[in-house]
C-alpha atoms as a PDB file:
ATOM      1  CA  MET A   1       0.077  -0.013   0.042  1.00  0.00           C
ATOM      2  CA  ALA A   2       1.210   3.515  -0.969  1.00  0.00           C
ATOM      3  CA  LYS A   3       2.134   5.887   1.606  1.00  0.00           C
ATOM      4  CA  THR A   4       1.649   9.639   0.921  1.00  0.00           C
ATOM      5  CA  THR A   5       3.098  12.458   3.020  1.00  0.00           C
ATOM      6  CA  THR A   6       2.703  16.214   2.399  1.00  0.00           C
ATOM      7  CA  GLU A   7       5.540  18.641   2.834  1.00  0.00           C
ATOM      8  CA  THR A   8       5.703  22.331   2.794  1.00  0.00           C
ATOM      9  CA  VAL A   9       8.793  23.878   1.380  1.00  0.00           C
ATOM     10  CA  ARG A  10       9.900  27.586   1.235  1.00  0.00           C
ATOM     11  CA  VAL A  11      11.835  28.743  -2.076  1.00  0.00           C
ATOM     12  CA  LYS A  12      13.255  31.850  -2.817  1.00  0.00           C
ATOM     13  CA  ILE A  13      12.005  34.119  -5.742  1.00  0.00           C
ATOM     14  CA  THR A  14      14.947  35.187  -7.885  1.00  0.00           C
ATOM     15  CA  LYS A  15      13.309  36.349 -10.927  1.00  0.00           C
ATOM     16  CA  HIS A  16      10.480  38.835 -11.264  1.00  0.00           C
ATOM     17  CA  PRO A  17       7.413  37.515 -12.552  1.00  0.00           C
ATOM     18  CA  ARG A  18       6.852  40.137 -15.097  1.00  0.00           C
ATOM     19  CA  ASP A  19      10.549  39.754 -16.329  1.00  0.00           C
ATOM     20  CA  MET A  20       9.235  37.805 -19.579  1.00  0.00           C
ATOM     21  CA  TYR A  21       7.595  41.048 -20.774  1.00  0.00           C
ATOM     22  CA  TYR A  22      10.875  42.755 -21.191  1.00  0.00           C
ATOM     23  CA  ASP A  23      12.822  40.292 -23.367  1.00  0.00           C
ATOM     24  CA  GLY A  24      13.331  42.866 -26.261  1.00  0.00           C
ATOM     25  CA  ALA A  25      10.172  41.856 -28.574  1.00  0.00           C
ATOM     26  CA  THR A  26       7.165  43.698 -28.505  1.00  0.00           C
ATOM     27  CA  LYS A  27       4.137  40.988 -27.900  1.00  0.00           C
ATOM     28  CA  ARG A  28       0.245  41.057 -28.151  1.00  0.00           C
ATOM     29  CA  ASP A  29       0.287  42.275 -24.360  1.00  0.00           C
ATOM     30  CA  HIS A  30       2.069  45.233 -25.275  1.00  0.00           C
ATOM     31  CA  MET A  31       0.079  46.214 -28.206  1.00  0.00           C
ATOM     32  CA  SER A  32      -3.423  45.700 -26.336  1.00  0.00           C
ATOM     33  CA  GLY A  33      -2.363  47.740 -23.306  1.00  0.00           C
ATOM     34  CA  MET A  34      -1.047  50.680 -25.544  1.00  0.00           C
ATOM     35  CA  VAL A  35      -4.301  50.507 -27.694  1.00  0.00           C
ATOM     36  CA  GLU A  36      -6.382  50.654 -24.461  1.00  0.00           C
ATOM     37  CA  TYR A  37      -4.300  53.449 -22.882  1.00  0.00           C
ATOM     38  CA  LEU A  38      -4.562  55.629 -26.058  1.00  0.00           C
ATOM     39  CA  ASN A  39      -8.323  55.109 -26.465  1.00  0.00           C
ATOM     40  CA  THR A  40      -8.998  55.953 -22.764  1.00  0.00           C
ATOM     41  CA  SER A  41      -6.442  58.487 -21.994  1.00  0.00           C
ATOM     42  CA  PRO A  42      -5.338  60.893 -24.919  1.00  0.00           C
ATOM     43  CA  LYS A  43      -3.101  63.187 -23.095  1.00  0.00           C
ATOM     44  CA  VAL A  44       0.277  62.056 -24.028  1.00  0.00           C
ATOM     45  CA  PRO A  45       2.781  62.929 -22.482  1.00  0.00           C
ATOM     46  CA  ASP A  46       1.187  62.628 -19.033  1.00  0.00           C
ATOM     47  CA  GLU A  47       3.444  64.590 -16.741  1.00  0.00           C
ATOM     48  CA  ARG A  48       1.798  63.463 -13.615  1.00  0.00           C
ATOM     49  CA  LEU A  49       2.166  59.617 -14.451  1.00  0.00           C
ATOM     50  CA  ILE A  50       5.866  60.330 -15.492  1.00  0.00           C
ATOM     51  CA  LYS A  51       6.822  62.197 -12.323  1.00  0.00           C
ATOM     52  CA  ARG A  52       5.097  59.422 -10.109  1.00  0.00           C
ATOM     53  CA  PHE A  53       7.114  56.797 -11.952  1.00  0.00           C
ATOM     54  CA  ILE A  54      10.377  58.900 -11.676  1.00  0.00           C
ATOM     55  CA  LYS A  55      10.108  59.673  -8.115  1.00  0.00           C
ATOM     56  CA  LYS A  56      10.180  55.822  -7.331  1.00  0.00           C
ATOM     57  CA  LEU A  57      13.312  55.149  -9.433  1.00  0.00           C
ATOM     58  CA  ARG A  58      16.795  54.725  -7.818  1.00  0.00           C
ATOM     59  CA  VAL A  59      20.230  54.532  -9.642  1.00  0.00           C
ATOM     60  CA  GLY A  60      21.071  50.941 -10.052  1.00  0.00           C
ATOM     61  CA  ASP A  61      17.569  49.907 -10.544  1.00  0.00           C
ATOM     62  CA  ILE A  62      16.660  47.493 -13.299  1.00  0.00           C
ATOM     63  CA  VAL A  63      13.317  48.724 -15.085  1.00  0.00           C
ATOM     64  CA  GLY A  64      11.300  47.389 -17.569  1.00  0.00           C
ATOM     65  CA  VAL A  65      10.032  50.054 -20.209  1.00  0.00           C
ATOM     66  CA  GLU A  66       8.043  49.063 -23.344  1.00  0.00           C
ATOM     67  CA  HIS A  67       9.552  45.725 -23.842  1.00  0.00           C
ATOM     68  CA  ASN A  68      13.221  46.202 -22.877  1.00  0.00           C
ATOM     69  CA  GLN A  69      15.120  46.183 -19.442  1.00  0.00           C
ATOM     70  CA  TYR A  70      17.390  49.158 -18.546  1.00  0.00           C
ATOM     71  CA  ARG A  71      19.946  49.816 -15.569  1.00  0.00           C
ATOM     72  CA  VAL A  72      19.002  53.345 -14.423  1.00  0.00           C
ATOM     73  CA  GLU A  73      22.270  55.078 -14.555  1.00  0.00           C
ATOM     74  CA  GLU A  74      20.924  58.812 -14.203  1.00  0.00           C
ATOM     75  CA  ILE A  75      17.616  60.482 -12.703  1.00  0.00           C
ATOM     76  CA  THR A  76      16.288  63.809 -13.230  1.00  0.00           C
ATOM     77  CA  GLU A  77      13.192  65.307 -12.262  1.00  0.00           C
ATOM     78  CA  GLU A  78      11.290  64.612 -15.723  1.00  0.00           C
ATOM     79  CA  ASN A  79      12.985  61.518 -17.016  1.00  0.00           C
ATOM     80  CA  PHE A  80      15.847  58.933 -16.453  1.00  0.00           C
ATOM     81  CA  THR A  81      18.773  57.544 -18.709  1.00  0.00           C
ATOM     82  CA  GLY A  82      19.568  53.980 -18.672  1.00  0.00           C
ATOM     83  CA  VAL A  83      21.548  51.324 -20.267  1.00  0.00           C
ATOM     84  CA  ASN A  84      19.944  48.574 -22.167  1.00  0.00           C
ATOM     85  CA  ILE A  85      20.715  45.101 -20.283  1.00  0.00           C
ATOM     86  CA  LYS A  86      21.335  43.282 -23.616  1.00  0.00           C
ATOM     87  CA  THR A  87      22.716  45.689 -26.082  1.00  0.00           C
ATOM     88  CA  LYS A  88      24.531  47.915 -23.638  1.00  0.00           C
ATOM     89  CA  ALA A  89      23.241  50.968 -25.475  1.00  0.00           C
ATOM     90  CA  GLU A  90      22.377  54.057 -23.516  1.00  0.00           C
ATOM     91  CA  TYR A  91      18.635  55.116 -23.645  1.00  0.00           C
ATOM     92  CA  THR A  92      16.823  57.985 -22.422  1.00  0.00           C
ATOM     93  CA  PRO A  93      12.952  57.508 -23.487  1.00  0.00           C
ATOM     94  CA  SER A  94      11.196  60.181 -25.178  1.00  0.00           C
ATOM     95  CA  LEU A  95       8.399  61.708 -22.586  1.00  0.00           C
ATOM     96  CA  ASP A  96       5.825  60.418 -25.106  1.00  0.00           C
ATOM     97  CA  LYS A  97       7.049  56.807 -25.183  1.00  0.00           C
ATOM     98  CA  LEU A  98       7.533  56.800 -21.428  1.00  0.00           C
ATOM     99  CA  SER A  99       4.214  58.036 -20.881  1.00  0.00           C
ATOM    100  CA  VAL A 100       2.525  55.345 -22.979  1.00  0.00           C
ATOM    101  CA  ALA A 101       4.490  52.593 -21.262  1.00  0.00           C
ATOM    102  CA  ILE A 102       3.558  53.720 -17.884  1.00  0.00           C
ATOM    103  CA  GLY A 103      -0.129  54.257 -19.015  1.00  0.00           C
ATOM    104  CA  SER A 104      -0.173  50.773 -20.929  1.00  0.00           C
ATOM    105  CA  GLY A 105       1.431  48.963 -17.626  1.00  0.00           C
ATOM    106  CA  PHE A 106       4.682  48.255 -19.123  1.00  0.00           C
ATOM    107  CA  ALA A 107       7.002  50.462 -17.189  1.00  0.00           C
ATOM    108  CA  GLU A 108       7.970  49.244 -13.928  1.00  0.00           C
ATOM    109  CA  ILE A 109      10.978  48.531 -11.571  1.00  0.00           C
ATOM    110  CA  LEU A 110      11.992  45.015 -11.922  1.00  0.00           C
ATOM    111  CA  TYR A 111      15.039  44.555  -9.683  1.00  0.00           C
ATOM    112  CA  ARG A 112      16.437  46.809  -6.886  1.00  0.00           C
ATOM    113  CA  LYS A 113      19.847  45.749  -5.398  1.00  0.00           C
ATOM    114  CA  GLY A 114      19.884  42.527  -7.274  1.00  0.00           C
ATOM    115  CA  LYS A 115      16.483  41.446  -5.976  1.00  0.00           C
ATOM    116  CA  PRO A 116      13.006  41.430  -7.532  1.00  0.00           C
ATOM    117  CA  TYR A 117      11.321  44.615  -6.691  1.00  0.00           C
ATOM    118  CA  GLY A 118       7.676  44.924  -5.046  1.00  0.00           C
ATOM    119  CA  ILE A 119       6.972  41.256  -4.728  1.00  0.00           C
ATOM    120  CA  LYS A 120       7.352  38.841  -1.869  1.00  0.00           C
ATOM    121  CA  LEU A 121      11.025  37.241  -1.988  1.00  0.00           C
ATOM    122  CA  THR A 122       9.941  33.582  -0.783  1.00  0.00           C
ATOM    123  CA  LYS A 123       6.948  31.393  -1.799  1.00  0.00           C
ATOM    124  CA  ASP A 124       5.618  28.511   0.187  1.00  0.00           C
ATOM    125  CA  ILE A 125       5.015  25.324  -2.024  1.00  0.00           C
ATOM    126  CA  THR A 126       3.383  22.228  -0.905  1.00  0.00           C
ATOM    127  CA  LEU A 127       4.627  18.873  -2.030  1.00  0.00           C
ATOM    128  CA  LYS A 128       2.600  15.841  -1.926  1.00  0.00           C
ATOM    129  CA  ILE A 129       4.867  12.722  -1.878  1.00  0.00           C
ATOM    130  CA  THR A 130       3.783   9.211  -2.521  1.00  0.00           C
ATOM    131  CA  ASP A 131       5.784   6.277  -1.647  1.00  0.00           C
ATOM    132  CA  HIS A 132       4.991   3.113  -3.661  1.00  0.00           C
ATOM    133  CA  THR A 133       7.650   0.877  -2.809  1.00  0.00           C
ATOM    134  CA  LYS A 134       6.648  -2.336  -1.235  1.00  0.00           C
ATOM    135  CA  GLN A 135       7.195  -2.783   2.403  1.00  0.00           C
ATOM    136  CA  GLY A 136       9.600  -5.237   3.464  1.00  0.00           C
ATOM    137  CA  THR A 137      11.498  -5.646   0.259  1.00  0.00           C
ATOM    138  CA  PRO A 138      15.375  -5.266   0.198  1.00  0.00           C
END
């Protein structure tokens, strides 16, 4: 007869769950978010959204903007300058692009000090373990 036990294991989260949206390629999710934002909020650039986003940034943060990741190198009151994680090219987004990215949900801090930002860093996983070995066999 099989014996079943249940174990709960705590694992560390090392990758931000939204990291997949910033791999350098525009996806359907990006386009849907942009169309929805532009249809509901025609004010571009939206200085209020931009200032709120910029206030949260710190030098060294890894941010996702549009469909790429950038390491923040410099922050001003109105914008930031970063380096693309993959291409190493310097990037300062136009206020229009930054506004649309924020409004469509594709501008966010992904990592701060090397750890995923804004999420729990651990997760409990429950495992069910079934032992099917016969009792008494060597």
